[in-house]
Amino acid sequence: MAKKTELGNALSVGGLTIVPVAVTFGDTRQVEDRVMAVGYSEALAVIVIGPSSAEVLTVSGDILSLEEFGDLYPELEEQLHRLRPQS
């Protein structure tokens, strides 16, 4: 089953930006003359970006830096780099 980790749409609340992170699993199979698709998404974390800092709050309760989260999910590293606050 294919797995894809991706950032969702950003939401601005007050002076913060919140970005959801989810992993999506999916697969397609052909059975005789039909194509069957199966998939689901699972929340991983939210990224909270303020004027001078950003933190990742995971669903397991951990608080990580963008760098630490990028180490866990290298496929997101480029996108996470663009989220860093400009000091």
N, C-alpha and C. Protein backbone atom coordinates (compact mmCIF):
# COMPACT_ATOMS: atom_id res chain seq x y z
N MET A 1 0.85 -1.17 0.00
CA MET A 1 0.00 0.00 0.00
C MET A 1 0.90 1.24 0.00
N ALA A 2 0.65 2.15 -0.92
CA ALA A 2 1.45 3.37 -1.03
C ALA A 2 1.18 4.29 0.16
N LYS A 3 2.24 4.96 0.62
CA LYS A 3 2.15 5.85 1.77
C LYS A 3 2.71 7.20 1.37
N LYS A 4 1.99 8.27 1.70
CA LYS A 4 2.44 9.62 1.37
C LYS A 4 2.20 10.52 2.57
N THR A 5 3.26 11.20 3.02
CA THR A 5 3.15 12.15 4.12
C THR A 5 3.08 13.54 3.51
N GLU A 6 2.10 14.33 3.94
CA GLU A 6 1.93 15.65 3.33
C GLU A 6 1.40 16.68 4.31
N LEU A 7 1.69 17.94 3.99
CA LEU A 7 1.19 19.07 4.75
C LEU A 7 -0.18 19.46 4.22
N GLY A 8 -1.07 19.83 5.13
CA GLY A 8 -2.39 20.31 4.73
C GLY A 8 -2.38 21.81 4.52
N ASN A 9 -3.55 22.37 4.31
CA ASN A 9 -3.68 23.81 4.12
C ASN A 9 -3.47 24.55 5.43
N ALA A 10 -2.71 25.63 5.36
CA ALA A 10 -2.42 26.45 6.54
C ALA A 10 -3.66 27.24 6.96
N LEU A 11 -3.77 27.43 8.27
CA LEU A 11 -4.86 28.20 8.84
C LEU A 11 -4.26 29.26 9.75
N SER A 12 -4.63 30.52 9.54
CA SER A 12 -4.13 31.61 10.39
C SER A 12 -5.13 31.89 11.50
N VAL A 13 -4.62 31.92 12.74
CA VAL A 13 -5.44 32.20 13.92
C VAL A 13 -4.68 33.21 14.76
N GLY A 14 -5.21 34.43 14.87
CA GLY A 14 -4.49 35.47 15.60
C GLY A 14 -3.15 35.71 14.92
N GLY A 15 -2.08 35.63 15.67
CA GLY A 15 -0.75 35.82 15.11
C GLY A 15 -0.05 34.51 14.79
N LEU A 16 -0.78 33.39 14.80
CA LEU A 16 -0.19 32.08 14.55
C LEU A 16 -0.68 31.49 13.24
N THR A 17 0.14 30.66 12.66
CA THR A 17 -0.25 29.86 11.49
C THR A 17 -0.17 28.40 11.91
N ILE A 18 -1.23 27.65 11.63
CA ILE A 18 -1.31 26.24 11.99
C ILE A 18 -1.39 25.42 10.71
N VAL A 19 -0.48 24.43 10.60
CA VAL A 19 -0.42 23.58 9.41
C VAL A 19 -0.58 22.12 9.85
N PRO A 20 -1.64 21.45 9.40
CA PRO A 20 -1.80 20.04 9.75
C PRO A 20 -0.86 19.16 8.92
N VAL A 21 -0.45 18.04 9.51
CA VAL A 21 0.39 17.07 8.81
C VAL A 21 -0.30 15.72 8.92
N ALA A 22 -0.43 15.02 7.79
CA ALA A 22 -1.09 13.72 7.79
C ALA A 22 -0.34 12.76 6.88
N VAL A 23 -0.54 11.49 7.14
CA VAL A 23 -0.01 10.45 6.27
C VAL A 23 -1.22 9.79 5.61
N THR A 24 -1.12 9.59 4.30
CA THR A 24 -2.20 9.00 3.53
C THR A 24 -1.73 7.65 3.00
N PHE A 25 -2.55 6.64 3.18
CA PHE A 25 -2.27 5.31 2.65
C PHE A 25 -3.28 5.03 1.56
N GLY A 26 -2.83 4.44 0.48
CA GLY A 26 -3.76 4.14 -0.59
C GLY A 26 -3.25 3.07 -1.52
N ASP A 27 -4.17 2.42 -2.21
CA ASP A 27 -3.82 1.37 -3.15
C ASP A 27 -4.97 1.21 -4.13
N THR A 28 -4.64 0.82 -5.32
CA THR A 28 -5.66 0.49 -6.31
C THR A 28 -5.36 -0.91 -6.85
N ARG A 29 -6.41 -1.64 -7.13
CA ARG A 29 -6.27 -2.99 -7.67
C ARG A 29 -7.33 -3.20 -8.73
N GLN A 30 -6.94 -3.97 -9.74
CA GLN A 30 -7.90 -4.31 -10.77
C GLN A 30 -8.35 -5.75 -10.52
N VAL A 31 -9.65 -5.92 -10.41
CA VAL A 31 -10.26 -7.24 -10.23
C VAL A 31 -11.20 -7.45 -11.40
N GLU A 32 -10.80 -8.35 -12.28
CA GLU A 32 -11.54 -8.61 -13.51
C GLU A 32 -11.70 -7.30 -14.28
N ASP A 33 -12.93 -6.83 -14.46
CA ASP A 33 -13.15 -5.61 -15.23
C ASP A 33 -13.40 -4.39 -14.36
N ARG A 34 -13.07 -4.48 -13.07
CA ARG A 34 -13.31 -3.38 -12.14
C ARG A 34 -12.01 -2.93 -11.50
N VAL A 35 -11.98 -1.65 -11.16
CA VAL A 35 -10.84 -1.11 -10.43
C VAL A 35 -11.32 -0.76 -9.03
N MET A 36 -10.58 -1.23 -8.03
CA MET A 36 -10.95 -0.98 -6.64
C MET A 36 -9.88 -0.09 -6.02
N ALA A 37 -10.30 0.98 -5.37
CA ALA A 37 -9.38 1.90 -4.69
C ALA A 37 -9.69 1.89 -3.20
N VAL A 38 -8.62 1.82 -2.41
CA VAL A 38 -8.75 1.81 -0.95
C VAL A 38 -7.76 2.82 -0.40
N GLY A 39 -8.18 3.61 0.58
CA GLY A 39 -7.25 4.57 1.17
C GLY A 39 -7.82 5.22 2.41
N TYR A 40 -6.92 5.79 3.20
CA TYR A 40 -7.33 6.55 4.36
C TYR A 40 -6.19 7.47 4.79
N SER A 41 -6.51 8.48 5.58
CA SER A 41 -5.53 9.42 6.11
C SER A 41 -5.49 9.32 7.62
N GLU A 42 -4.31 9.56 8.15
CA GLU A 42 -4.11 9.53 9.60
C GLU A 42 -3.34 10.78 10.00
N ALA A 43 -3.86 11.51 10.98
CA ALA A 43 -3.19 12.72 11.47
C ALA A 43 -1.88 12.36 12.14
N LEU A 44 -0.82 13.14 11.87
CA LEU A 44 0.48 12.95 12.51
C LEU A 44 0.79 14.05 13.50
N ALA A 45 0.50 15.30 13.09
CA ALA A 45 0.93 16.45 13.90
C ALA A 45 0.29 17.72 13.37
N VAL A 46 0.51 18.80 14.12
CA VAL A 46 0.24 20.14 13.63
C VAL A 46 1.51 20.95 13.83
N ILE A 47 1.77 21.82 12.89
CA ILE A 47 2.91 22.73 12.99
C ILE A 47 2.34 24.09 13.38
N VAL A 48 2.87 24.66 14.45
CA VAL A 48 2.41 25.96 14.94
C VAL A 48 3.54 26.95 14.69
N ILE A 49 3.26 27.97 13.87
CA ILE A 49 4.27 28.94 13.48
C ILE A 49 3.88 30.30 14.02
N GLY A 50 4.78 30.87 14.80
CA GLY A 50 4.60 32.21 15.34
C GLY A 50 5.54 33.17 14.64
N PRO A 51 5.59 34.42 15.08
CA PRO A 51 6.43 35.41 14.43
C PRO A 51 7.92 35.08 14.48
N SER A 52 8.37 34.40 15.54
CA SER A 52 9.81 34.14 15.66
C SER A 52 10.18 32.68 15.90
N SER A 53 9.18 31.79 15.96
CA SER A 53 9.50 30.38 16.18
C SER A 53 8.44 29.48 15.58
N ALA A 54 8.80 28.21 15.45
CA ALA A 54 7.87 27.20 14.95
C ALA A 54 8.10 25.91 15.72
N GLU A 55 7.02 25.23 16.06
CA GLU A 55 7.10 23.96 16.77
C GLU A 55 6.13 22.98 16.14
N VAL A 56 6.47 21.71 16.27
CA VAL A 56 5.62 20.64 15.79
C VAL A 56 5.03 19.92 17.00
N LEU A 57 3.71 19.86 17.06
CA LEU A 57 3.01 19.16 18.14
C LEU A 57 2.46 17.86 17.54
N THR A 58 3.02 16.73 17.97
CA THR A 58 2.61 15.45 17.41
C THR A 58 1.36 14.92 18.11
N VAL A 59 0.67 14.00 17.46
CA VAL A 59 -0.53 13.42 18.07
C VAL A 59 -0.18 12.58 19.29
N SER A 60 1.07 12.15 19.42
CA SER A 60 1.48 11.38 20.60
C SER A 60 1.86 12.29 21.76
N GLY A 61 1.84 13.62 21.56
CA GLY A 61 2.10 14.56 22.64
C GLY A 61 3.51 15.12 22.67
N ASP A 62 4.35 14.74 21.72
CA ASP A 62 5.72 15.27 21.67
C ASP A 62 5.73 16.67 21.06
N ILE A 63 6.69 17.48 21.48
CA ILE A 63 6.93 18.80 20.90
C ILE A 63 8.31 18.74 20.25
N LEU A 64 8.35 18.96 18.94
CA LEU A 64 9.59 18.85 18.17
C LEU A 64 9.87 20.15 17.43
N SER A 65 11.13 20.36 17.12
CA SER A 65 11.49 21.47 16.23
C SER A 65 11.21 21.03 14.79
N LEU A 66 11.20 21.99 13.88
CA LEU A 66 11.03 21.64 12.46
C LEU A 66 12.16 20.73 12.00
N GLU A 67 13.37 20.97 12.50
CA GLU A 67 14.52 20.15 12.11
C GLU A 67 14.35 18.71 12.59
N GLU A 68 13.92 18.53 13.83
CA GLU A 68 13.70 17.18 14.36
C GLU A 68 12.62 16.45 13.58
N PHE A 69 11.55 17.16 13.26
CA PHE A 69 10.46 16.55 12.49
C PHE A 69 10.93 16.21 11.08
N GLY A 70 11.75 17.08 10.49
CA GLY A 70 12.31 16.82 9.17
C GLY A 70 13.21 15.60 9.16
N ASP A 71 13.91 15.35 10.27
CA ASP A 71 14.74 14.15 10.37
C ASP A 71 13.87 12.89 10.36
N LEU A 72 12.68 12.97 10.98
CA LEU A 72 11.77 11.83 11.00
C LEU A 72 11.05 11.62 9.67
N TYR A 73 10.80 12.72 8.96
CA TYR A 73 10.07 12.67 7.69
C TYR A 73 10.85 13.45 6.63
N PRO A 74 11.95 12.87 6.11
CA PRO A 74 12.80 13.60 5.17
C PRO A 74 12.09 14.02 3.88
N GLU A 75 11.00 13.35 3.53
CA GLU A 75 10.25 13.74 2.33
C GLU A 75 9.59 15.10 2.50
N LEU A 76 9.49 15.60 3.73
CA LEU A 76 8.89 16.91 4.00
C LEU A 76 9.93 18.01 4.22
N GLU A 77 11.20 17.63 4.24
CA GLU A 77 12.26 18.56 4.65
C GLU A 77 12.25 19.88 3.87
N GLU A 78 12.08 19.83 2.57
CA GLU A 78 12.08 21.07 1.76
C GLU A 78 10.88 21.95 2.12
N GLN A 79 9.71 21.35 2.28
CA GLN A 79 8.52 22.11 2.64
C GLN A 79 8.65 22.70 4.05
N LEU A 80 9.23 21.93 4.97
CA LEU A 80 9.42 22.43 6.33
C LEU A 80 10.39 23.61 6.36
N HIS A 81 11.41 23.55 5.51
CA HIS A 81 12.38 24.66 5.45
C HIS A 81 11.68 25.97 5.07
N ARG A 82 10.71 25.89 4.17
CA ARG A 82 9.98 27.10 3.75
C ARG A 82 9.07 27.65 4.85
N LEU A 83 8.75 26.82 5.85
CA LEU A 83 7.86 27.27 6.94
C LEU A 83 8.59 27.99 8.05
N ARG A 84 9.90 27.94 8.06
CA ARG A 84 10.66 28.56 9.15
C ARG A 84 10.40 30.07 9.19
N PRO A 85 10.14 30.60 10.37
CA PRO A 85 9.92 32.05 10.50
C PRO A 85 11.18 32.82 10.08
N GLN A 86 10.96 33.94 9.44
CA GLN A 86 12.08 34.80 9.02
C GLN A 86 12.41 35.76 10.15
N SER A 87 13.59 35.58 10.75
CA SER A 87 13.98 36.44 11.88
C SER A 87 14.78 37.62 11.40
